[in-house]
C-alpha atoms as a PDB file:
ATOM      1  CA  UNK A   1     -52.466 -32.731  75.682  1.00  0.00           C
ATOM      2  CA  UNK A   2     -53.273 -31.853  79.250  1.00  0.00           C
ATOM      3  CA  UNK A   3     -55.541 -29.000  80.174  1.00  0.00           C
ATOM      4  CA  UNK A   4     -52.517 -27.002  81.339  1.00  0.00           C
ATOM      5  CA  UNK A   5     -50.727 -27.586  78.042  1.00  0.00           C
ATOM      6  CA  UNK A   6     -53.838 -26.578  76.127  1.00  0.00           C
ATOM      7  CA  UNK A   7     -54.237 -23.391  78.159  1.00  0.00           C
ATOM      8  CA  UNK A   8     -50.531 -22.584  77.720  1.00  0.00           C
ATOM      9  CA  UNK A   9     -50.723 -23.143  73.973  1.00  0.00           C
ATOM     10  CA  UNK A  10     -53.835 -20.986  73.597  1.00  0.00           C
ATOM     11  CA  UNK A  11     -52.183 -18.243  75.691  1.00  0.00           C
ATOM     12  CA  UNK A  12     -49.102 -18.449  73.500  1.00  0.00           C
ATOM     13  CA  UNK A  13     -51.237 -18.151  70.360  1.00  0.00           C
ATOM     14  CA  UNK A  14     -52.915 -15.094  71.893  1.00  0.00           C
ATOM     15  CA  UNK A  15     -49.497 -13.538  72.606  1.00  0.00           C
ATOM     16  CA  UNK A  16     -48.519 -14.293  69.021  1.00  0.00           C
ATOM     17  CA  UNK A  17     -51.727 -12.614  67.791  1.00  0.00           C
ATOM     18  CA  UNK A  18     -51.004  -9.487  69.844  1.00  0.00           C
ATOM     19  CA  UNK A  19     -47.439  -9.351  68.490  1.00  0.00           C
ATOM     20  CA  UNK A  20     -48.705  -9.677  64.918  1.00  0.00           C
ATOM     21  CA  UNK A  21     -51.279  -6.929  65.448  1.00  0.00           C
ATOM     22  CA  UNK A  22     -48.603  -4.421  66.472  1.00  0.00           C
ATOM     23  CA  UNK A  23     -45.902  -5.742  64.097  1.00  0.00           C
ATOM     24  CA  UNK A  24     -43.640  -6.778  66.975  1.00  0.00           C
ATOM     25  CA  UNK A  25     -41.656  -9.307  64.966  1.00  0.00           C
ATOM     26  CA  UNK A  26     -38.969  -9.600  67.645  1.00  0.00           C
ATOM     27  CA  UNK A  27     -41.554 -11.040  70.027  1.00  0.00           C
ATOM     28  CA  UNK A  28     -42.574 -13.601  67.427  1.00  0.00           C
ATOM     29  CA  UNK A  29     -39.023 -14.864  67.316  1.00  0.00           C
ATOM     30  CA  UNK A  30     -38.897 -15.084  71.115  1.00  0.00           C
ATOM     31  CA  UNK A  31     -42.156 -17.092  71.214  1.00  0.00           C
ATOM     32  CA  UNK A  32     -40.892 -19.690  68.732  1.00  0.00           C
ATOM     33  CA  UNK A  33     -38.991 -22.015  71.130  1.00  0.00           C
ATOM     34  CA  UNK A  34     -41.934 -22.299  73.531  1.00  0.00           C
ATOM     35  CA  UNK A  35     -44.346 -22.791  70.644  1.00  0.00           C
ATOM     36  CA  UNK A  36     -42.170 -25.588  69.249  1.00  0.00           C
ATOM     37  CA  UNK A  37     -41.988 -27.309  72.654  1.00  0.00           C
ATOM     38  CA  UNK A  38     -45.761 -27.126  73.121  1.00  0.00           C
ATOM     39  CA  UNK A  39     -46.352 -28.462  69.613  1.00  0.00           C
ATOM     40  CA  UNK A  40     -44.017 -31.379  70.342  1.00  0.00           C
ATOM     41  CA  UNK A  41     -46.055 -32.193  73.461  1.00  0.00           C
ATOM     42  CA  UNK A  42     -49.240 -31.904  71.418  1.00  0.00           C
ATOM     43  CA  UNK A  43     -47.958 -34.444  68.911  1.00  0.00           C
ATOM     44  CA  UNK A  44     -46.804 -36.828  71.650  1.00  0.00           C
ATOM     45  CA  UNK A  45     -49.891 -36.670  73.869  1.00  0.00           C
ATOM     46  CA  UNK A  46     -52.627 -35.997  71.356  1.00  0.00           C
ATOM     47  CA  UNK A  47     -55.537 -33.625  71.748  1.00  0.00           C
ATOM     48  CA  UNK A  48     -59.109 -34.102  72.785  1.00  0.00           C
ATOM     49  CA  UNK A  49     -61.593 -33.682  69.941  1.00  0.00           C
ATOM     50  CA  UNK A  50     -63.437 -30.906  71.763  1.00  0.00           C
ATOM     51  CA  UNK A  51     -60.266 -28.834  72.071  1.00  0.00           C
ATOM     52  CA  UNK A  52     -59.180 -29.220  68.474  1.00  0.00           C
ATOM     53  CA  UNK A  53     -61.636 -26.652  67.115  1.00  0.00           C
ATOM     54  CA  UNK A  54     -60.454 -23.865  69.441  1.00  0.00           C
ATOM     55  CA  UNK A  55     -56.816 -24.547  68.553  1.00  0.00           C
ATOM     56  CA  UNK A  56     -57.549 -24.742  64.847  1.00  0.00           C
ATOM     57  CA  UNK A  57     -59.433 -21.452  64.949  1.00  0.00           C
ATOM     58  CA  UNK A  58     -56.581 -19.683  66.797  1.00  0.00           C
ATOM     59  CA  UNK A  59     -53.946 -21.110  64.448  1.00  0.00           C
ATOM     60  CA  UNK A  60     -55.929 -20.092  61.356  1.00  0.00           C
ATOM     61  CA  UNK A  61     -56.432 -16.585  62.743  1.00  0.00           C
ATOM     62  CA  UNK A  62     -52.704 -16.179  63.375  1.00  0.00           C
ATOM     63  CA  UNK A  63     -51.872 -17.631  59.967  1.00  0.00           C
ATOM     64  CA  UNK A  64     -54.122 -15.037  58.330  1.00  0.00           C
ATOM     65  CA  UNK A  65     -52.477 -12.239  60.336  1.00  0.00           C
ATOM     66  CA  UNK A  66     -48.993 -13.464  59.501  1.00  0.00           C
ATOM     67  CA  UNK A  67     -49.792 -13.630  55.798  1.00  0.00           C
ATOM     68  CA  UNK A  68     -51.205 -10.087  55.926  1.00  0.00           C
ATOM     69  CA  UNK A  69     -48.077  -8.856  57.721  1.00  0.00           C
ATOM     70  CA  UNK A  70     -45.860 -10.454  55.070  1.00  0.00           C
ATOM     71  CA  UNK A  71     -47.942  -8.904  52.288  1.00  0.00           C
ATOM     72  CA  UNK A  72     -47.599  -5.507  53.978  1.00  0.00           C
ATOM     73  CA  UNK A  73     -43.838  -5.886  54.271  1.00  0.00           C
ATOM     74  CA  UNK A  74     -43.571  -6.866  50.610  1.00  0.00           C
ATOM     75  CA  UNK A  75     -45.631  -3.815  49.633  1.00  0.00           C
ATOM     76  CA  UNK A  76     -43.449  -1.528  51.730  1.00  0.00           C
ATOM     77  CA  UNK A  77     -40.270  -2.952  50.176  1.00  0.00           C
ATOM     78  CA  UNK A  78     -41.699  -2.453  46.686  1.00  0.00           C
ATOM     79  CA  UNK A  79     -42.757   1.112  47.469  1.00  0.00           C
ATOM     80  CA  UNK A  80     -39.341   1.994  48.900  1.00  0.00           C
ATOM     81  CA  UNK A  81     -37.728   0.567  45.780  1.00  0.00           C
ATOM     82  CA  UNK A  82     -40.002   2.680  43.581  1.00  0.00           C
ATOM     83  CA  UNK A  83     -39.170   5.810  45.570  1.00  0.00           C
ATOM     84  CA  UNK A  84     -35.466   5.060  45.231  1.00  0.00           C
ATOM     85  CA  UNK A  85     -35.880   4.711  41.468  1.00  0.00           C
ATOM     86  CA  UNK A  86     -37.636   8.102  41.314  1.00  0.00           C
ATOM     87  CA  UNK A  87     -34.453   9.830  42.450  1.00  0.00           C
ATOM     88  CA  UNK A  88     -32.888   9.155  39.066  1.00  0.00           C
ATOM     89  CA  UNK A  89     -35.976   9.518  36.916  1.00  0.00           C
ATOM     90  CA  UNK A  90     -39.372   8.129  36.139  1.00  0.00           C
ATOM     91  CA  UNK A  91     -41.042   6.103  33.454  1.00  0.00           C
ATOM     92  CA  UNK A  92     -43.748   7.663  31.317  1.00  0.00           C
ATOM     93  CA  UNK A  93     -44.789   7.871  27.707  1.00  0.00           C
ATOM     94  CA  UNK A  94     -43.243   9.768  24.826  1.00  0.00           C
ATOM     95  CA  UNK A  95     -45.412  11.957  22.556  1.00  0.00           C
ATOM     96  CA  UNK A  96     -45.731   9.056  20.110  1.00  0.00           C
ATOM     97  CA  UNK A  97     -47.036   6.723  22.846  1.00  0.00           C
ATOM     98  CA  UNK A  98     -43.945   4.636  23.542  1.00  0.00           C
ATOM     99  CA  UNK A  99     -42.683   3.944  27.040  1.00  0.00           C
ATOM    100  CA  UNK A 100     -39.876   6.342  27.849  1.00  0.00           C
ATOM    101  CA  UNK A 101     -37.583   6.920  30.794  1.00  0.00           C
ATOM    102  CA  UNK A 102     -37.405  10.571  31.874  1.00  0.00           C
ATOM    103  CA  UNK A 103     -34.374  11.722  33.799  1.00  0.00           C
ATOM    104  CA  UNK A 104     -34.755  13.971  36.799  1.00  0.00           C
ATOM    105  CA  UNK A 105     -32.375  16.890  36.968  1.00  0.00           C
ATOM    106  CA  UNK A 106     -30.271  16.819  40.072  1.00  0.00           C
ATOM    107  CA  UNK A 107     -29.910  20.102  41.851  1.00  0.00           C
ATOM    108  CA  UNK A 108     -26.729  20.906  43.622  1.00  0.00           C
ATOM    109  CA  UNK A 109     -26.607  23.784  45.962  1.00  0.00           C
ATOM    110  CA  UNK A 110     -23.306  25.547  46.233  1.00  0.00           C
ATOM    111  CA  UNK A 111     -22.346  28.235  48.668  1.00  0.00           C
ATOM    112  CA  UNK A 112     -20.728  31.305  47.320  1.00  0.00           C
ATOM    113  CA  UNK A 113     -18.210  32.934  49.488  1.00  0.00           C
END
């Protein structure tokens, strides 16, 4: 990998990091073609041993951020699902200690003329 390719790849990883930090997932998708092209050049041309550590550190950092973003999205989806379920009722315990589903009364407002 040439010095220019290395600098471009590190800059791309920094742009990816910034996008992950602000949850700009659209930007991540736009960065993918350039990232793929740079990785192809990396595989073809190789990398100098001294540069490998900086790249590895940046890739690991972004991997950690991406995993955290995915965990956050999964948590949000689960929470939204739980809130949706609360519209119809909630799960609790009966007086004898068994799990019971409790319905929530729906209120309907009607106008009187």
